Amino acid sequence: MTRNVYDAADNLIKVIDAKGHASAVTGVQRYGTVYSYGLANRFIAQAELEAALQNNQ
């Protein structure tokens, strides 16, 4: 099971897999790969939230 989350400009902003889906109640809080875009809607960064959270513990 994979869920894609998009922003108002139809940019892919998060991909949530089965493990991430079970981690929280809302899509914003769930683990997943997060994509960031600049002002011109150009891709600028990708981050794995689960890995970042584990590194901060």
Protein backbone atom coordinates (compact mmCIF):
# COMPACT_ATOMS: atom_id res chain seq x y z
CA MET A 1 0.00 0.00 0.00
CA THR A 2 1.41 3.37 -1.04
CA ARG A 3 -0.25 6.78 -0.82
CA ASN A 4 0.84 9.90 -2.69
CA VAL A 5 0.08 13.37 -1.28
CA TYR A 6 0.01 16.42 -3.57
CA ASP A 7 0.02 20.18 -2.94
CA ALA A 8 -2.30 22.76 -4.55
CA ALA A 9 0.01 23.00 -7.60
CA ASP A 10 -0.19 19.19 -8.12
CA ASN A 11 3.42 18.69 -6.99
CA LEU A 12 4.09 15.38 -5.27
CA ILE A 13 4.97 16.37 -1.70
CA LYS A 14 4.93 13.04 0.14
CA VAL A 15 4.93 9.30 -0.55
CA ILE A 16 3.70 7.18 2.35
CA ASP A 17 4.33 3.42 2.36
CA ALA A 18 2.53 0.79 4.49
CA LYS A 19 4.86 1.27 7.48
CA GLY A 20 4.41 5.04 7.35
CA HIS A 21 0.66 4.70 6.98
CA ALA A 22 0.45 2.86 10.30
CA SER A 23 2.62 5.45 12.10
CA ALA A 24 -0.04 8.18 12.58
CA VAL A 25 -3.62 9.22 11.99
CA THR A 26 -3.19 11.94 9.33
CA GLY A 27 -1.09 12.05 6.16
CA VAL A 28 0.84 15.08 7.39
CA GLN A 29 2.02 13.19 10.49
CA ARG A 30 2.82 9.86 8.80
CA TYR A 31 6.35 8.76 7.93
CA GLY A 32 7.24 8.97 4.29
CA THR A 33 9.47 10.50 1.67
CA VAL A 34 8.93 14.26 1.54
CA TYR A 35 9.61 16.35 -1.57
CA SER A 36 10.20 20.13 -1.51
CA TYR A 37 9.75 22.67 -4.28
CA GLY A 38 10.92 26.24 -4.78
CA LEU A 39 8.85 29.29 -5.71
CA ALA A 40 8.86 28.34 -9.41
CA ASN A 41 7.53 24.84 -8.54
CA ARG A 42 10.92 23.30 -9.28
CA PHE A 43 12.00 20.29 -7.25
CA ILE A 44 14.71 21.25 -4.74
CA ALA A 45 14.96 18.52 -2.08
CA GLN A 46 13.93 15.06 -0.96
CA ALA A 47 13.96 13.79 2.64
CA GLU A 48 13.16 10.49 4.34
CA LEU A 49 11.26 11.58 7.48
CA GLU A 50 11.49 8.23 9.25
CA ALA A 51 15.28 8.23 8.95
CA ALA A 52 15.49 11.84 10.14
CA LEU A 53 13.29 11.10 13.15
CA GLN A 54 15.31 8.02 14.10
CA ASN A 55 18.58 9.98 13.89
CA ASN A 56 17.21 12.59 16.33
CA GLN A 57 16.29 10.06 19.02
